[in-house]
Protein backbone atom coordinates (compact mmCIF):
# COMPACT_ATOMS: atom_id res chain seq x y z
CA UNK A 1 -10.11 -8.43 -13.06
CA UNK A 2 -13.22 -7.15 -14.79
CA UNK A 3 -15.02 -4.02 -13.61
CA UNK A 4 -17.48 -5.02 -10.92
CA UNK A 5 -20.61 -3.50 -9.39
CA UNK A 6 -19.79 -0.59 -7.13
CA UNK A 7 -21.88 -1.17 -4.00
CA UNK A 8 -21.73 -3.49 -0.98
CA UNK A 9 -24.83 -4.30 1.05
CA UNK A 10 -23.61 -5.54 4.41
CA UNK A 11 -25.65 -7.21 7.14
CA UNK A 12 -23.57 -6.79 10.27
CA UNK A 13 -23.50 -8.10 13.81
CA UNK A 14 -22.53 -11.69 13.00
CA UNK A 15 -19.31 -13.26 14.31
CA UNK A 16 -17.05 -14.82 11.70
CA UNK A 17 -14.93 -17.94 12.02
CA UNK A 18 -12.28 -19.52 9.87
CA UNK A 19 -9.00 -18.98 8.08
CA UNK A 20 -7.93 -16.13 5.84
CA UNK A 21 -4.89 -16.12 3.55
CA UNK A 22 -3.54 -12.63 2.93
CA UNK A 23 -3.02 -11.57 -0.67
CA UNK A 24 0.33 -10.55 -2.07
CA UNK A 25 1.49 -7.10 -1.05
CA UNK A 26 -0.02 -4.38 -3.24
CA UNK A 27 2.68 -1.78 -2.60
CA UNK A 28 5.48 -4.26 -3.22
CA UNK A 29 3.89 -5.61 -6.40
CA UNK A 30 3.67 -2.13 -7.96
CA UNK A 31 7.42 -1.62 -7.47
CA UNK A 32 8.45 -5.13 -8.52
CA UNK A 33 6.33 -5.11 -11.67
CA UNK A 34 7.76 -1.72 -12.69
CA UNK A 35 11.30 -3.10 -12.24
CA UNK A 36 10.83 -5.61 -15.07
CA UNK A 37 11.51 -2.70 -17.44
CA UNK A 38 15.15 -2.66 -16.27
CA UNK A 39 16.05 -5.83 -18.21
CA UNK A 40 15.46 -7.38 -21.60
CA UNK A 41 15.34 -10.83 -19.98
CA UNK A 42 12.40 -12.71 -18.45
CA UNK A 43 11.23 -11.89 -14.93
CA UNK A 44 8.74 -14.17 -13.17
CA UNK A 45 6.77 -12.82 -10.21
CA UNK A 46 4.68 -14.90 -7.80
CA UNK A 47 2.02 -13.98 -5.22
CA UNK A 48 0.81 -11.01 -7.28
CA UNK A 49 -2.54 -9.72 -5.96
CA UNK A 50 -5.47 -9.68 -8.37
CA UNK A 51 -6.54 -6.10 -7.66
CA UNK A 52 -7.43 -3.10 -9.81
CA UNK A 53 -4.28 -1.05 -9.23
CA UNK A 54 -1.93 -3.93 -10.03
CA UNK A 55 -3.89 -4.99 -13.10
CA UNK A 56 -3.92 -1.42 -14.42
CA UNK A 57 -0.12 -1.31 -14.12
CA UNK A 58 0.20 -4.61 -15.99
CA UNK A 59 -2.01 -3.17 -18.74
CA UNK A 60 0.35 -0.17 -19.00
CA UNK A 61 3.28 -2.55 -19.48
CA UNK A 62 1.37 -4.34 -22.25
CA UNK A 63 0.83 -1.00 -23.95
CA UNK A 64 4.57 -0.34 -23.78
CA UNK A 65 5.18 -3.59 -25.64
CA UNK A 66 6.21 -5.79 -22.72
CA UNK A 67 5.38 -9.46 -23.27
CA UNK A 68 3.09 -10.50 -20.43
CA UNK A 69 2.01 -14.06 -19.60
CA UNK A 70 -0.40 -15.01 -16.82
CA UNK A 71 1.11 -18.30 -15.66
CA UNK A 72 -1.22 -19.17 -12.79
CA UNK A 73 -3.66 -17.54 -10.40
CA UNK A 74 -1.03 -15.34 -8.76
CA UNK A 75 2.01 -15.80 -11.02
CA UNK A 76 3.05 -13.65 -13.99
CA UNK A 77 5.92 -13.67 -16.49
CA UNK A 78 7.24 -10.45 -18.04
CA UNK A 79 9.78 -9.81 -20.76
CA UNK A 80 10.62 -6.22 -21.68
CA UNK A 81 12.85 -7.20 -24.61
CA UNK A 82 11.08 -4.74 -26.90
CA UNK A 83 9.65 -1.53 -25.46
CA UNK A 84 7.90 1.20 -27.43
CA UNK A 85 8.93 4.35 -25.57
CA UNK A 86 6.85 6.43 -27.99
CA UNK A 87 3.75 4.88 -26.39
CA UNK A 88 4.42 7.21 -23.45
CA UNK A 89 3.24 10.12 -25.63
CA UNK A 90 0.03 8.41 -26.71
CA UNK A 91 -3.45 9.45 -25.58
CA UNK A 92 -4.06 5.90 -24.31
CA UNK A 93 -1.04 6.03 -21.99
CA UNK A 94 -1.92 9.51 -20.75
CA UNK A 95 -5.49 8.43 -20.01
CA UNK A 96 -4.61 5.21 -18.22
CA UNK A 97 -1.51 6.40 -16.33
CA UNK A 98 -3.26 9.36 -14.72
CA UNK A 99 -5.81 7.00 -13.15
CA UNK A 100 -3.12 5.10 -11.26
CA UNK A 101 -0.76 6.67 -8.77
CA UNK A 102 1.48 3.60 -8.99
CA UNK A 103 2.31 4.55 -12.58
CA UNK A 104 4.94 6.91 -11.17
CA UNK A 105 7.06 3.80 -10.48
CA UNK A 106 7.61 3.39 -14.23
CA UNK A 107 9.68 6.57 -14.50
CA UNK A 108 12.88 5.35 -12.80
CA UNK A 109 13.24 2.16 -14.89
CA UNK A 110 12.33 3.90 -18.16
CA UNK A 111 14.74 6.76 -17.49
CA UNK A 112 17.58 4.41 -16.56
CA UNK A 113 17.23 2.00 -19.46
CA UNK A 114 15.77 4.10 -22.28
CA UNK A 115 16.96 7.58 -21.37
CA UNK A 116 13.62 9.34 -21.04
CA UNK A 117 10.16 9.11 -19.58
CA UNK A 118 7.05 11.21 -19.14
CA UNK A 119 3.99 10.87 -16.96
CA UNK A 120 0.68 12.68 -16.52
CA UNK A 121 -0.01 13.80 -12.98
CA UNK A 122 -1.26 10.54 -11.45
CA UNK A 123 -4.45 10.06 -9.46
CA UNK A 124 -5.06 7.63 -6.61
CA UNK A 125 -6.50 8.16 -3.15
CA UNK A 126 -7.77 11.59 -2.17
CA UNK A 127 -6.00 11.63 1.19
CA UNK A 128 -4.20 14.95 0.97
CA UNK A 129 -1.16 16.30 -0.78
CA UNK A 130 1.14 13.57 -2.07
CA UNK A 131 3.89 15.41 -3.86
CA UNK A 132 6.31 13.76 -6.27
CA UNK A 133 9.19 16.18 -5.67
CA UNK A 134 11.32 13.52 -3.95
CA UNK A 135 11.27 11.35 -7.08
CA UNK A 136 12.27 14.09 -9.50
CA UNK A 137 14.79 15.77 -7.21
CA UNK A 138 16.51 12.37 -6.98
CA UNK A 139 16.58 12.01 -10.76
CA UNK A 140 17.94 15.54 -11.09
CA UNK A 141 20.74 14.74 -8.64
CA UNK A 142 21.74 11.92 -11.00
CA UNK A 143 21.93 14.48 -13.78
CA UNK A 144 18.54 14.00 -15.42
CA UNK A 145 16.81 17.02 -16.97
CA UNK A 146 13.32 17.64 -15.60
CA UNK A 147 10.43 19.71 -16.91
CA UNK A 148 6.84 20.07 -15.75
CA UNK A 149 4.16 21.26 -18.16
CA UNK A 150 1.67 22.90 -15.81
CA UNK A 151 -0.88 23.46 -18.58
CA UNK A 152 -1.11 19.78 -19.47
CA UNK A 153 -0.09 18.43 -16.02
CA UNK A 154 2.69 16.28 -17.52
CA UNK A 155 6.11 15.51 -16.05
CA UNK A 156 9.06 15.04 -18.45
CA UNK A 157 12.46 13.65 -17.47
CA UNK A 158 15.42 12.84 -19.73
CA UNK A 159 19.04 11.79 -19.42
CA UNK A 160 21.68 14.39 -20.39
CA UNK A 161 23.86 13.87 -23.47
CA UNK A 162 26.59 12.10 -21.51
CA UNK A 163 24.22 9.96 -19.48
CA UNK A 164 23.48 10.13 -15.75
CA UNK A 165 26.22 9.93 -13.15
CA UNK A 166 26.16 8.45 -9.65
CA UNK A 167 26.26 10.94 -6.78
CA UNK A 168 25.31 11.56 -3.14
CA UNK A 169 21.57 12.01 -2.66
CA UNK A 170 20.01 13.08 0.64
CA UNK A 171 16.27 12.51 0.13
CA UNK A 172 14.15 15.38 1.43
CA UNK A 173 11.58 12.97 2.86
CA UNK A 174 11.46 9.28 3.72
CA UNK A 175 9.37 8.31 0.71
CA UNK A 176 8.88 4.61 -0.05
CA UNK A 177 8.01 5.11 -3.70
CA UNK A 178 10.57 7.90 -4.03
CA UNK A 179 13.31 5.66 -2.65
CA UNK A 180 12.30 2.77 -4.91
CA UNK A 181 12.18 4.98 -7.99
CA UNK A 182 15.61 6.53 -7.38
CA UNK A 183 17.09 3.08 -6.62
CA UNK A 184 15.76 1.73 -9.92
CA UNK A 185 17.26 4.69 -11.77
CA UNK A 186 20.61 4.38 -9.97
CA UNK A 187 21.28 0.67 -10.57
CA UNK A 188 21.97 1.34 -14.28
CA UNK A 189 23.67 4.70 -13.70
CA UNK A 190 27.46 4.99 -14.05
CA UNK A 191 29.47 5.33 -10.83
CA UNK A 192 28.50 5.20 -7.17
CA UNK A 193 25.19 6.53 -5.88
CA UNK A 194 24.68 7.01 -2.14
CA UNK A 195 21.07 7.48 -0.98
CA UNK A 196 20.68 8.80 2.57
CA UNK A 197 17.35 9.13 4.41
CA UNK A 198 16.11 6.23 2.30
CA UNK A 199 12.91 4.40 3.19
CA UNK A 200 13.62 0.93 4.54
CA UNK A 201 10.16 -0.71 4.44
CA UNK A 202 10.15 -4.46 3.77
CA UNK A 203 8.83 -3.71 0.28
CA UNK A 204 11.87 -1.55 -0.54
CA UNK A 205 14.07 -4.31 0.88
CA UNK A 206 12.30 -6.83 -1.35
CA UNK A 207 12.89 -4.65 -4.40
CA UNK A 208 16.59 -4.26 -3.57
CA UNK A 209 17.04 -8.00 -3.07
CA UNK A 210 15.36 -8.69 -6.39
CA UNK A 211 17.60 -6.16 -8.15
CA UNK A 212 20.68 -7.76 -6.56
CA UNK A 213 19.60 -11.14 -7.93
CA UNK A 214 19.32 -9.44 -11.33
CA UNK A 215 22.93 -8.28 -11.04
CA UNK A 216 22.66 -4.91 -9.29
CA UNK A 217 25.21 -3.92 -6.66
CA UNK A 218 23.41 -2.52 -3.60
CA UNK A 219 24.75 -2.27 -0.05
CA UNK A 220 22.88 -1.27 3.10
CA UNK A 221 19.59 -3.03 2.31
CA UNK A 222 17.28 -2.64 5.31
CA UNK A 223 18.90 0.60 6.47
CA UNK A 224 18.35 4.26 5.60
CA UNK A 225 21.71 4.46 3.82
CA UNK A 226 21.95 2.70 0.46
CA UNK A 227 25.14 2.56 -1.61
CA UNK A 228 24.71 1.55 -5.25
CA UNK A 229 27.43 0.79 -7.78
CA UNK A 230 25.97 1.17 -11.26
CA UNK A 231 26.12 -1.76 -13.69
CA UNK A 232 25.63 -1.84 -17.46
CA UNK A 233 23.10 -4.67 -17.66
CA UNK A 234 20.60 -6.50 -15.47
CA UNK A 235 19.36 -10.03 -16.10
CA UNK A 236 16.15 -11.92 -15.45
CA UNK A 237 15.08 -13.41 -12.14
CA UNK A 238 12.23 -14.98 -10.18
CA UNK A 239 10.58 -13.21 -7.26
CA UNK A 240 7.83 -13.83 -4.72
CA UNK A 241 5.95 -10.93 -3.15
CA UNK A 242 5.44 -10.83 0.61
CA UNK A 243 1.93 -11.17 2.04
CA UNK A 244 0.24 -7.79 2.36
CA UNK A 245 0.89 -6.42 5.85
CA UNK A 246 -1.98 -3.94 5.48
CA UNK A 247 -4.46 -6.73 4.80
CA UNK A 248 -3.08 -8.71 7.74
CA UNK A 249 -3.62 -5.71 10.02
CA UNK A 250 -7.11 -5.27 8.59
CA UNK A 251 -7.96 -8.90 9.41
CA UNK A 252 -6.70 -8.47 12.99
CA UNK A 253 -8.99 -5.47 13.37
CA UNK A 254 -11.89 -7.32 11.74
CA UNK A 255 -11.58 -10.20 14.21
CA UNK A 256 -11.61 -7.87 17.21
CA UNK A 257 -14.52 -5.73 16.02
CA UNK A 258 -16.77 -8.67 15.12
CA UNK A 259 -15.82 -10.87 18.13
CA UNK A 260 -14.58 -13.47 15.66
CA UNK A 261 -12.08 -16.30 15.88
CA UNK A 262 -9.88 -15.92 12.82
CA UNK A 263 -6.58 -17.51 11.85
CA UNK A 264 -4.52 -15.51 9.36
CA UNK A 265 -2.29 -17.92 7.46
CA UNK A 266 1.23 -17.45 6.07
CA UNK A 267 1.78 -13.95 7.43
CA UNK A 268 5.59 -13.68 7.17
CA UNK A 269 5.36 -12.55 10.79
CA UNK A 270 9.00 -11.50 11.01
CA UNK A 271 8.32 -8.86 8.34
CA UNK A 272 5.36 -7.28 10.17
CA UNK A 273 7.46 -5.09 12.43
CA UNK A 274 5.46 -3.18 15.06
CA UNK A 275 2.04 -3.96 13.56
CA UNK A 276 0.97 -6.85 15.87
CA UNK A 277 2.24 -4.99 18.96
CA UNK A 278 0.24 -1.88 18.05
CA UNK A 279 -2.99 -3.88 17.88
CA UNK A 280 -2.07 -5.56 21.16
CA UNK A 281 -1.87 -2.10 22.74
CA UNK A 282 -5.59 -1.81 21.98
CA UNK A 283 -6.09 -4.95 24.08
CA UNK A 284 -6.44 -7.40 21.20
CA UNK A 285 -5.07 -10.89 21.88
CA UNK A 286 -2.88 -12.22 19.07
CA UNK A 287 -1.33 -15.69 19.25
CA UNK A 288 1.55 -16.51 16.94
CA UNK A 289 1.50 -20.06 15.62
CA UNK A 290 4.56 -20.48 13.45
CA UNK A 291 3.99 -18.09 10.56
CA UNK A 292 0.26 -17.83 11.29
CA UNK A 293 -1.56 -15.38 13.55
CA UNK A 294 -4.56 -16.61 15.54
CA UNK A 295 -6.99 -14.06 16.95
CA UNK A 296 -9.45 -15.64 19.40
CA UNK A 297 -12.99 -14.30 19.79
CA UNK A 298 -12.91 -11.53 22.39
CA UNK A 299 -16.01 -10.07 24.02
CA UNK A 300 -13.99 -7.13 25.34
CA UNK A 301 -10.60 -5.57 24.67
CA UNK A 302 -9.15 -2.70 26.67
CA UNK A 303 -6.87 0.06 25.39
CA UNK A 304 -3.56 0.36 27.23
CA UNK A 305 -2.44 3.65 28.75
CA UNK A 306 1.06 5.03 28.98
CA UNK A 307 3.02 4.06 32.10
CA UNK A 308 1.95 7.24 33.94
CA UNK A 309 -1.71 6.53 33.19
CA UNK A 310 -2.08 9.16 30.49
CA UNK A 311 -4.11 8.51 27.33
CA UNK A 312 -2.45 6.33 24.73
CA UNK A 313 -1.39 8.00 21.48
CA UNK A 314 -0.94 5.98 18.30
CA UNK A 315 0.74 7.76 15.42
CA UNK A 316 2.12 6.81 12.03
CA UNK A 317 5.79 7.02 11.13
CA UNK A 318 8.20 5.79 8.45
CA UNK A 319 9.34 2.20 8.87
CA UNK A 320 10.11 0.72 11.36
CA UNK A 321 7.34 2.91 12.80
CA UNK A 322 3.64 2.15 12.39
CA UNK A 323 2.42 2.31 8.80
CA UNK A 324 -0.04 5.11 7.92
CA UNK A 325 -2.07 2.66 5.83
CA UNK A 326 -3.41 1.02 9.01
CA UNK A 327 -4.36 4.17 10.91
CA UNK A 328 -7.94 4.02 9.58
CA UNK A 329 -8.27 0.43 10.83
CA UNK A 330 -6.84 1.28 14.26
CA UNK A 331 -9.31 4.14 14.60
CA UNK A 332 -12.31 1.97 13.76
CA UNK A 333 -11.22 -0.84 16.08
CA UNK A 334 -10.83 1.62 18.96
CA UNK A 335 -14.51 2.63 18.77
CA UNK A 336 -15.60 -0.64 20.40
CA UNK A 337 -12.69 -1.01 22.83
CA UNK A 338 -12.76 -0.10 26.53
CA UNK A 339 -10.89 3.17 27.06
CA UNK A 340 -9.75 6.06 24.91
CA UNK A 341 -6.94 6.72 22.43
CA UNK A 342 -5.60 9.67 20.48
CA UNK A 343 -5.05 8.83 16.82
CA UNK A 344 -2.43 11.12 15.25
CA UNK A 345 -2.24 10.75 11.47
CA UNK A 346 0.89 12.76 10.73
CA UNK A 347 1.58 11.96 7.10
CA UNK A 348 -1.71 12.74 5.30
CA UNK A 349 -4.03 15.60 6.21
CA UNK A 350 -7.26 14.23 4.70
CA UNK A 351 -7.16 10.62 5.82
CA UNK A 352 -9.31 11.11 8.93
CA UNK A 353 -12.21 12.81 7.20
CA UNK A 354 -14.14 9.53 6.99
CA UNK A 355 -14.82 9.67 10.75
CA UNK A 356 -18.07 11.57 10.14
CA UNK A 357 -19.50 8.31 8.80
CA UNK A 358 -18.42 6.45 11.95
CA UNK A 359 -20.02 9.18 14.08
CA UNK A 360 -23.23 8.69 12.11
CA UNK A 361 -22.98 4.98 13.00
CA UNK A 362 -22.85 5.88 16.70
CA UNK A 363 -19.12 6.05 17.39
CA UNK A 364 -17.82 8.63 19.85
CA UNK A 365 -15.00 10.42 18.07
CA UNK A 366 -13.73 13.97 18.44
CA UNK A 367 -11.95 15.17 15.30
CA UNK A 368 -9.45 17.60 16.80
CA UNK A 369 -8.02 18.77 13.46
CA UNK A 370 -7.23 17.17 10.07
CA UNK A 371 -4.45 15.10 11.66
CA UNK A 372 -5.80 14.09 15.10
CA UNK A 373 -8.88 12.33 16.42
CA UNK A 374 -9.73 11.22 19.94
CA UNK A 375 -11.69 7.97 20.06
CA UNK A 376 -13.76 7.20 23.16
CA UNK A 377 -14.23 3.45 23.22
CA UNK A 378 -17.80 2.31 23.89
CA UNK A 379 -16.85 -1.19 25.10
CA UNK A 380 -19.71 -2.54 22.96
CA UNK A 381 -22.32 -0.92 25.24
CA UNK A 382 -23.68 0.90 22.19
CA UNK A 383 -23.03 -1.16 19.06
CA UNK A 384 -22.56 0.70 15.82
CA UNK A 385 -25.66 0.91 13.62
CA UNK A 386 -25.83 0.30 9.90
CA UNK A 387 -26.03 3.34 7.60
CA UNK A 388 -25.54 4.28 3.95
CA UNK A 389 -22.07 5.66 3.16
CA UNK A 390 -19.42 6.11 0.48
CA UNK A 391 -15.85 4.82 0.47
CA UNK A 392 -13.45 7.78 0.06
CA UNK A 393 -10.21 5.80 -0.42
CA UNK A 394 -8.80 2.27 -0.22
CA UNK A 395 -7.93 2.15 3.48
CA UNK A 396 -10.90 4.13 4.79
CA UNK A 397 -13.13 1.95 2.61
CA UNK A 398 -11.83 -1.21 4.26
CA UNK A 399 -12.23 0.41 7.69
CA UNK A 400 -15.85 1.26 6.89
CA UNK A 401 -16.44 -2.31 5.71
CA UNK A 402 -15.14 -3.59 9.05
CA UNK A 403 -17.39 -1.12 10.87
CA UNK A 404 -20.38 -2.30 8.81
CA UNK A 405 -19.64 -5.96 9.57
CA UNK A 406 -19.66 -5.18 13.30
CA UNK A 407 -22.74 -2.94 13.18
CA UNK A 408 -26.33 -3.90 13.84
CA UNK A 409 -28.55 -3.90 10.78
CA UNK A 410 -27.82 -3.20 7.14
CA UNK A 411 -25.16 -0.88 5.79
CA UNK A 412 -24.74 0.17 2.17
CA UNK A 413 -21.27 1.18 1.01
CA UNK A 414 -20.95 2.95 -2.34
CA UNK A 415 -17.80 3.52 -4.41
CA UNK A 416 -16.39 0.12 -3.45
CA UNK A 417 -14.10 0.09 -6.50
CA UNK A 418 -11.85 2.02 -4.10
CA UNK A 419 -11.71 -1.09 -1.90
CA UNK A 420 -11.22 -3.30 -4.97
CA UNK A 421 -8.14 -1.24 -5.84
CA UNK A 422 -6.35 -2.67 -2.82
CA UNK A 423 -8.20 -5.78 -1.61
CA UNK A 424 -8.60 -8.90 -3.72
CA UNK A 425 -12.18 -10.24 -3.93
CA UNK A 426 -12.65 -9.13 -0.32
CA UNK A 427 -16.41 -9.79 -0.32
CA UNK A 428 -16.00 -13.40 -1.49
CA UNK A 429 -13.21 -14.15 0.96
CA UNK A 430 -15.06 -12.73 3.97
CA UNK A 431 -18.36 -14.36 2.97
CA UNK A 432 -16.53 -17.70 3.01
CA UNK A 433 -15.99 -17.34 6.78
CA UNK A 434 -19.49 -16.13 7.62
CA UNK A 435 -19.82 -12.50 6.49
CA UNK A 436 -22.97 -11.30 4.73
CA UNK A 437 -21.81 -8.99 1.94
CA UNK A 438 -23.75 -8.65 -1.30
CA UNK A 439 -22.17 -6.82 -4.22
CA UNK A 440 -24.70 -4.84 -6.17
């Protein structure tokens, strides 16, 4: 994907109608693509989203010497038969890796197969502290030697002279990327590794199933207790990424906010967990049609209360709880519902700071503290109004785009490369069903 203009001009207030096909899952793709470094054989991956973060990671693999072939629109072939580990010390790697938080997923495979890895402190969304301790503590438990250069902001990790050894690891937090990274390191580590308090998101499950097809020995997939017997070699495989559950949730919210009739195709509904139910608690009607979700046009939707009549609270939690990546969408959707809801963003302390832009658009939101916001639904009595704003991160950017599409008048959204990092050609896809978004 080439670098595109960084502004959206959005004319809102128009209902949309049609079908949307969700892209491949961004968070899964970053893990799966990193895992190709674990084998010298060919790995083919399908349903890879064409987004900035994924394409940056693929470029990092090219720099490492991985043979990369773009087979079709969403299919790629990788072969890490020859890898130049010295590239990790180059200025080019340092520059590119620090721009992509997903680059941290390279450490586990590189450490396991080549014995060492280093990484500059990665960037990504500015949504609060996102420490990497869980990753490196896991590697240290396996016996790896870790060093952090605080002057240069570089992490170094290396196998000991006798190699790493399987052990019992109790992760200090339920980290999706931390779990995936330690799993990738453990599959080529001698002996048995037990990982407790592991993340069990569908994307981690997908990674584990792919590794098993490559020859890894992993038990407990789908639970928070993984048992891994190390093997000496992994082979090639073929893998298909799930549809992106965050984009599916975003489309549900878009349909409700814009009073649109939208069918979301090929959703892998059984892998969505509590996501559809959480939107239904806001009063949004969702009809399952096989593996599709149909959202009819709704003039009104009313937020549920708890059984005793008290105000509904929606909070994020590790899987199978509600994903934090959709909290921004839930908050925006609630602004035009009937009723009130408390949004409690537990996992990131800066993710609610975009609400000032929604307040400027006319939403009634009380930001209680960095983690909690009370949304007073306006039931469309006072539609949002278009304003000029800036996207602070991927998920808030998409939420602001949805707000702009529902608002009266013109909105201008700057910094939309943040949205491009996670959503594939979102302007073109939404324009195809009636949106008015001009990239400038």
